[in-house]
Protein backbone atom coordinates (compact mmCIF):
# COMPACT_ATOMS: atom_id res chain seq x y z
CA UNK A 1 31.76 24.82 20.01
CA UNK A 2 31.58 25.34 16.25
CA UNK A 3 30.63 28.62 14.62
CA UNK A 4 26.86 29.20 14.63
CA UNK A 5 26.98 30.64 11.12
CA UNK A 6 28.62 27.50 9.76
CA UNK A 7 26.04 25.28 11.48
CA UNK A 8 23.21 27.45 10.17
CA UNK A 9 24.50 27.09 6.62
CA UNK A 10 24.71 23.34 7.19
CA UNK A 11 21.05 23.11 8.22
CA UNK A 12 19.98 25.21 5.24
CA UNK A 13 21.96 22.96 2.91
CA UNK A 14 20.26 19.89 4.39
CA UNK A 15 16.83 21.48 4.00
CA UNK A 16 17.47 22.12 0.30
CA UNK A 17 18.58 18.54 -0.37
CA UNK A 18 15.16 16.94 -0.97
CA UNK A 19 15.73 14.26 1.69
CA UNK A 20 13.10 11.88 3.01
CA UNK A 21 11.87 12.54 6.55
CA UNK A 22 14.13 10.05 8.35
CA UNK A 23 17.33 11.35 6.75
CA UNK A 24 16.20 14.97 7.12
CA UNK A 25 15.72 14.49 10.85
CA UNK A 26 19.12 12.85 11.26
CA UNK A 27 21.05 15.44 9.31
CA UNK A 28 19.29 18.49 10.80
CA UNK A 29 20.09 17.31 14.33
CA UNK A 30 23.70 16.57 13.37
CA UNK A 31 24.08 20.11 11.97
CA UNK A 32 22.47 21.72 15.03
CA UNK A 33 24.87 19.82 17.29
CA UNK A 34 27.72 21.65 15.59
CA UNK A 35 26.26 24.91 16.94
CA UNK A 36 25.15 23.97 20.45
CA UNK A 37 25.19 21.28 23.11
CA UNK A 38 22.23 18.91 22.69
CA UNK A 39 22.15 16.00 25.14
CA UNK A 40 18.90 14.49 23.79
CA UNK A 41 16.48 15.38 21.01
CA UNK A 42 12.90 14.79 19.89
CA UNK A 43 12.03 15.64 16.27
CA UNK A 44 8.44 14.87 15.28
CA UNK A 45 6.29 15.16 12.19
CA UNK A 46 2.75 16.49 12.63
CA UNK A 47 -0.63 16.49 10.95
CA UNK A 48 -1.13 20.17 10.02
CA UNK A 49 -4.89 19.94 10.55
CA UNK A 50 -5.04 18.18 13.94
CA UNK A 51 -1.51 19.15 15.18
CA UNK A 52 -1.05 15.57 16.47
CA UNK A 53 2.26 13.75 16.13
CA UNK A 54 2.40 11.44 13.10
CA UNK A 55 5.90 10.12 13.75
CA UNK A 56 9.06 10.99 15.65
CA UNK A 57 12.80 10.61 15.87
CA UNK A 58 13.52 10.25 19.59
CA UNK A 59 16.79 9.68 21.45
CA UNK A 60 17.75 8.23 24.81
CA UNK A 61 16.66 8.78 27.52
CA UNK A 62 13.49 10.13 25.89
CA UNK A 63 12.50 6.93 24.09
CA UNK A 64 11.26 4.99 27.10
CA UNK A 65 9.39 8.05 28.38
CA UNK A 66 7.37 8.61 25.17
CA UNK A 67 3.94 7.69 26.62
CA UNK A 68 4.53 9.99 29.61
CA UNK A 69 5.59 12.88 27.37
CA UNK A 70 2.52 12.39 25.18
CA UNK A 71 0.18 12.31 28.16
CA UNK A 72 1.74 15.50 29.51
CA UNK A 73 1.67 17.22 26.13
CA UNK A 74 -1.91 16.43 25.22
CA UNK A 75 -3.32 17.18 28.67
CA UNK A 76 -2.75 20.86 27.90
CA UNK A 77 -2.00 21.70 31.55
CA UNK A 78 1.76 22.29 31.37
CA UNK A 79 3.79 25.25 30.13
CA UNK A 80 5.50 25.59 26.75
CA UNK A 81 3.37 23.00 24.96
CA UNK A 82 3.73 22.49 21.23
CA UNK A 83 0.16 23.66 20.34
CA UNK A 84 0.87 26.80 22.37
CA UNK A 85 4.02 27.40 20.33
CA UNK A 86 2.09 26.95 17.07
CA UNK A 87 0.07 30.03 18.05
CA UNK A 88 2.94 32.00 19.61
CA UNK A 89 4.96 34.63 17.70
CA UNK A 90 8.23 33.10 16.52
CA UNK A 91 7.10 29.58 17.47
CA UNK A 92 10.26 28.92 19.58
CA UNK A 93 10.80 29.10 23.35
CA UNK A 94 12.91 27.40 26.02
CA UNK A 95 11.58 26.04 29.29
CA UNK A 96 13.94 28.46 31.04
CA UNK A 97 12.25 31.41 29.31
CA UNK A 98 8.72 30.06 29.74
CA UNK A 99 9.16 29.62 33.51
CA UNK A 100 11.56 32.56 34.08
CA UNK A 101 14.17 30.02 35.23
CA UNK A 102 11.76 28.36 37.68
CA UNK A 103 11.83 24.96 35.95
CA UNK A 104 9.97 23.30 38.82
CA UNK A 105 6.78 25.05 37.72
CA UNK A 106 6.61 22.51 34.88
CA UNK A 107 5.18 19.08 35.65
CA UNK A 108 7.05 17.79 32.61
CA UNK A 109 10.35 18.83 34.19
CA UNK A 110 9.44 17.62 37.71
CA UNK A 111 7.92 14.27 36.80
CA UNK A 112 9.61 13.22 33.55
CA UNK A 113 12.77 15.14 32.72
CA UNK A 114 14.48 15.64 36.09
CA UNK A 115 14.17 11.94 37.12
CA UNK A 116 16.17 10.95 34.00
CA UNK A 117 18.74 13.71 34.37
CA UNK A 118 17.40 16.31 31.93
CA UNK A 119 17.10 20.05 32.57
CA UNK A 120 16.28 22.87 30.15
CA UNK A 121 14.56 22.23 26.81
CA UNK A 122 14.36 24.35 23.68
CA UNK A 123 11.13 23.76 21.78
CA UNK A 124 10.03 24.79 18.28
CA UNK A 125 6.82 24.39 16.31
CA UNK A 126 7.88 23.97 12.68
CA UNK A 127 5.46 26.29 10.90
CA UNK A 128 5.48 27.55 7.32
CA UNK A 129 2.65 29.07 5.31
CA UNK A 130 0.43 29.07 8.39
CA UNK A 131 0.63 25.28 8.80
CA UNK A 132 2.58 23.24 11.35
CA UNK A 133 4.47 20.26 9.88
CA UNK A 134 6.39 19.10 12.92
CA UNK A 135 8.00 19.82 16.27
CA UNK A 136 11.55 19.99 17.57
CA UNK A 137 12.61 19.66 21.20
CA UNK A 138 16.27 19.90 22.22
CA UNK A 139 17.34 18.93 25.75
CA UNK A 140 20.22 19.77 28.06
CA UNK A 141 21.39 17.70 31.02
CA UNK A 142 20.03 18.77 34.40
CA UNK A 143 22.35 21.17 36.18
CA UNK A 144 23.74 22.55 32.93
CA UNK A 145 23.15 26.10 31.78
CA UNK A 146 19.90 26.74 29.95
CA UNK A 147 19.70 27.44 26.25
CA UNK A 148 20.89 30.93 25.35
CA UNK A 149 19.00 33.64 23.49
CA UNK A 150 21.42 33.24 20.57
CA UNK A 151 20.67 29.51 20.37
CA UNK A 152 16.92 30.18 20.47
CA UNK A 153 17.31 32.78 17.73
CA UNK A 154 19.20 30.29 15.58
CA UNK A 155 16.41 27.71 15.87
CA UNK A 156 13.83 30.47 15.25
CA UNK A 157 15.53 31.42 11.98
CA UNK A 158 15.85 27.81 10.86
CA UNK A 159 12.41 26.52 11.90
CA UNK A 160 10.52 27.74 8.78
CA UNK A 161 13.17 26.20 6.52
CA UNK A 162 12.94 22.89 8.35
CA UNK A 163 9.13 23.06 8.15
CA UNK A 164 9.35 23.67 4.39
CA UNK A 165 11.62 20.62 4.01
CA UNK A 166 9.12 18.47 5.94
CA UNK A 167 6.31 19.79 3.76
CA UNK A 168 8.27 18.95 0.63
CA UNK A 169 8.95 15.43 1.91
CA UNK A 170 5.19 14.81 1.93
CA UNK A 171 5.07 15.58 -1.79
CA UNK A 172 8.41 14.31 -3.08
CA UNK A 173 8.63 10.87 -1.53
CA UNK A 174 5.75 8.79 -2.80
CA UNK A 175 6.68 5.11 -3.05
CA UNK A 176 4.58 2.71 -5.08
CA UNK A 177 1.45 1.82 -3.05
CA UNK A 178 1.36 -1.56 -1.38
CA UNK A 179 -1.33 -4.13 -1.99
CA UNK A 180 -4.75 -3.37 -0.57
CA UNK A 181 -4.91 -3.99 3.17
CA UNK A 182 -7.76 -4.52 5.60
CA UNK A 183 -8.39 -2.40 8.74
CA UNK A 184 -6.82 -3.55 11.99
CA UNK A 185 -7.33 -2.80 15.68
CA UNK A 186 -4.84 -2.18 18.50
CA UNK A 187 -5.97 -2.15 22.15
CA UNK A 188 -3.91 -0.36 24.81
CA UNK A 189 -4.51 0.27 28.52
CA UNK A 190 -4.49 3.53 30.51
CA UNK A 191 -0.70 3.27 30.92
CA UNK A 192 -0.31 3.12 27.12
CA UNK A 193 0.77 -0.53 27.30
CA UNK A 194 -0.18 -2.83 24.43
CA UNK A 195 -2.97 -5.24 25.40
CA UNK A 196 -3.89 -6.86 22.09
CA UNK A 197 -3.79 -6.38 18.33
CA UNK A 198 -5.38 -8.05 15.34
CA UNK A 199 -3.27 -9.67 12.59
CA UNK A 200 -4.40 -6.91 10.23
CA UNK A 201 -3.05 -4.28 12.65
CA UNK A 202 0.23 -6.18 12.99
CA UNK A 203 0.64 -5.91 9.21
CA UNK A 204 -0.10 -2.15 9.18
CA UNK A 205 1.89 -1.03 12.23
CA UNK A 206 5.33 -1.23 10.56
CA UNK A 207 4.08 1.15 7.85
CA UNK A 208 3.20 4.00 10.21
CA UNK A 209 5.36 7.07 10.41
CA UNK A 210 8.97 7.42 11.39
CA UNK A 211 10.59 6.84 14.74
CA UNK A 212 12.35 4.54 17.12
CA UNK A 213 12.02 0.82 16.49
CA UNK A 214 12.52 0.36 20.23
CA UNK A 215 9.03 1.61 21.05
CA UNK A 216 6.36 -1.13 21.15
CA UNK A 217 4.06 0.98 18.97
CA UNK A 218 4.53 3.87 16.50
CA UNK A 219 4.34 7.37 17.94
CA UNK A 220 1.23 8.07 15.86
CA UNK A 221 -0.70 5.37 17.75
CA UNK A 222 0.30 6.80 21.12
CA UNK A 223 -0.54 10.30 19.89
CA UNK A 224 -4.08 9.61 18.76
CA UNK A 225 -4.76 7.48 21.87
CA UNK A 226 -3.48 10.16 24.26
CA UNK A 227 -5.54 12.83 22.47
CA UNK A 228 -8.68 10.92 23.41
CA UNK A 229 -8.42 12.13 27.02
CA UNK A 230 -9.07 15.77 26.12
CA UNK A 231 -10.85 15.55 22.76
CA UNK A 232 -14.49 16.57 22.36
CA UNK A 233 -14.96 13.69 19.94
CA UNK A 234 -12.94 10.59 19.04
CA UNK A 235 -9.71 11.86 17.46
CA UNK A 236 -8.39 10.81 14.06
CA UNK A 237 -5.00 11.14 12.42
CA UNK A 238 -3.60 10.71 8.89
CA UNK A 239 -0.08 9.36 8.42
CA UNK A 240 1.97 8.70 5.31
CA UNK A 241 2.49 4.95 4.91
CA UNK A 242 6.06 3.77 4.46
CA UNK A 243 5.09 1.92 1.28
CA UNK A 244 2.99 4.70 -0.25
CA UNK A 245 -0.49 6.13 0.21
CA UNK A 246 -1.97 7.15 3.54
CA UNK A 247 -3.30 5.45 6.66
CA UNK A 248 -6.01 6.72 9.02
CA UNK A 249 -5.90 6.14 12.78
CA UNK A 250 -9.03 6.52 14.91
CA UNK A 251 -9.14 6.21 18.71
CA UNK A 252 -12.11 5.38 20.92
CA UNK A 253 -12.69 4.20 24.48
CA UNK A 254 -13.56 0.65 25.52
CA UNK A 255 -15.14 0.87 28.96
CA UNK A 256 -16.03 -1.82 31.48
CA UNK A 257 -16.98 -1.69 35.18
CA UNK A 258 -13.35 -2.33 36.17
CA UNK A 259 -11.13 -0.63 33.59
CA UNK A 260 -10.91 1.67 30.60
CA UNK A 261 -8.96 0.75 27.52
CA UNK A 262 -8.40 2.47 24.19
CA UNK A 263 -8.97 0.92 20.78
CA UNK A 264 -7.09 2.39 17.83
CA UNK A 265 -8.42 1.43 14.40
CA UNK A 266 -5.81 1.54 11.62
CA UNK A 267 -7.03 1.51 8.04
CA UNK A 268 -6.12 2.71 4.55
CA UNK A 269 -7.27 6.32 4.23
CA UNK A 270 -9.94 7.39 1.79
CA UNK A 271 -8.44 9.85 -0.72
CA UNK A 272 -10.87 12.58 0.35
CA UNK A 273 -9.60 12.46 3.94
CA UNK A 274 -6.08 13.46 2.92
CA UNK A 275 -7.01 16.42 0.74
CA UNK A 276 -6.43 19.01 3.47
CA UNK A 277 -2.91 17.76 4.18
CA UNK A 278 -1.99 17.60 0.49
CA UNK A 279 -3.39 21.04 -0.31
CA UNK A 280 -1.47 22.54 2.60
CA UNK A 281 1.68 20.75 1.46
CA UNK A 282 1.51 22.54 -1.88
CA UNK A 283 1.73 25.87 -0.04
CA UNK A 284 -1.72 27.19 -0.92
CA UNK A 285 -2.90 30.36 0.79
CA UNK A 286 -6.05 30.31 2.94
CA UNK A 287 -8.14 31.71 0.08
CA UNK A 288 -6.62 29.27 -2.43
CA UNK A 289 -7.43 26.41 -0.03
CA UNK A 290 -11.08 27.56 0.08
CA UNK A 291 -11.32 27.70 -3.69
CA UNK A 292 -9.55 24.36 -4.21
CA UNK A 293 -11.97 22.63 -1.82
CA UNK A 294 -14.94 24.08 -3.73
CA UNK A 295 -13.45 22.88 -7.02
CA UNK A 296 -12.99 19.40 -5.59
CA UNK A 297 -16.68 19.42 -4.66
CA UNK A 298 -17.53 20.23 -8.28
CA UNK A 299 -18.69 23.85 -7.71
CA UNK A 300 -18.70 26.20 -10.71
CA UNK A 301 -16.76 29.46 -10.82
CA UNK A 302 -19.98 31.44 -10.35
CA UNK A 303 -21.05 29.29 -7.39
CA UNK A 304 -17.63 29.72 -5.74
CA UNK A 305 -17.76 33.49 -6.31
CA UNK A 306 -21.23 33.73 -4.74
CA UNK A 307 -20.27 31.58 -1.76
CA UNK A 308 -17.03 33.44 -1.02
CA UNK A 309 -18.42 36.88 -1.92
CA UNK A 310 -15.72 37.61 -4.48
CA UNK A 311 -15.79 38.20 -8.24
CA UNK A 312 -15.58 35.41 -10.79
CA UNK A 313 -12.42 37.07 -12.11
CA UNK A 314 -10.83 36.81 -8.65
CA UNK A 315 -11.81 33.14 -8.45
CA UNK A 316 -10.06 32.51 -11.75
CA UNK A 317 -6.93 34.34 -10.62
CA UNK A 318 -6.74 32.25 -7.45
CA UNK A 319 -7.46 29.07 -9.39
CA UNK A 320 -4.59 29.81 -11.78
CA UNK A 321 -2.29 30.15 -8.78
CA UNK A 322 -3.57 26.82 -7.41
CA UNK A 323 -2.85 25.12 -10.74
CA UNK A 324 0.68 26.58 -10.81
CA UNK A 325 1.48 25.42 -7.26
CA UNK A 326 0.08 21.91 -7.72
CA UNK A 327 1.58 21.57 -11.18
CA UNK A 328 -1.61 20.95 -13.16
CA UNK A 329 -3.40 22.76 -15.99
CA UNK A 330 -7.10 22.13 -15.41
CA UNK A 331 -9.76 21.34 -12.83
CA UNK A 332 -9.82 17.74 -14.00
CA UNK A 333 -6.05 17.43 -13.55
CA UNK A 334 -6.31 18.97 -10.07
CA UNK A 335 -8.93 16.45 -8.97
CA UNK A 336 -6.96 13.59 -10.47
CA UNK A 337 -3.69 14.63 -8.82
CA UNK A 338 -5.17 15.02 -5.34
CA UNK A 339 -7.50 12.03 -5.34
CA UNK A 340 -4.64 9.85 -6.55
CA UNK A 341 -2.89 10.57 -3.24
CA UNK A 342 -0.64 13.54 -4.08
């Protein structure tokens, strides 16, 4: 096994390289494998507002099990879930630690991992600046030793750097937008199997997210569909299109007396719907986010100060910081930068 310090320096070097998401995922996993045994890996991007998966790099034997993993994850009934880790101190934990070595307490282990020969998992929510930009799950073969405290500590140290690199990828890699496209619809059944799709959806599906080409549908489609089971209202998701701009995915139920199916509408996103993701990607603080949203609504400095119960001078100080982080010099430039898609 290679030196952990050398592997850690390798991951940090990768995270500073300004890579796109696909290459970042590949190189981070390669560097981590120089520090520890990883028999399979799942490395996903996430919407920082909804926490849903927007895309994923997934390896065998995980690929074929993707719908089952999503159903387990979004049900919220298992241990060591990703949303739980977003809220947990350190944001990293192994299944072995979460169950105190009683892996069988986890339905994910019993029903999904053990049947395909997998044992312990080391999970991380990739959080920086209070926002989650992705998830990492490393697997060991069943019967092998669980992940060690030193290995968990390594991932814990690296997770914010990896999250920062994912956040930067949202801003740095902006291909020229494709021609205007019309909304499309995908219909899937309760087993997450594709039932039907419109020609418009067939044209949009290849543009969604990052992940295995061996899955019938992009991970983002499965994610928003699976979220429907526990959501209070029909869930939506924003994903970066491979050719530039953003796409919105919306899931809703199609019910009949004999079966329930899920329709996922895929359409070009309105610029206003991506503002939260873009503002978070620039690393704004919570107060700066509040002020930026008021500016984008056209509120004056005095109106913002009255609403937020702060002085006009404080508003201006925060607004200057917003301009510096986004790389603009005025309110007009800020609106133009964000409404143009980042």
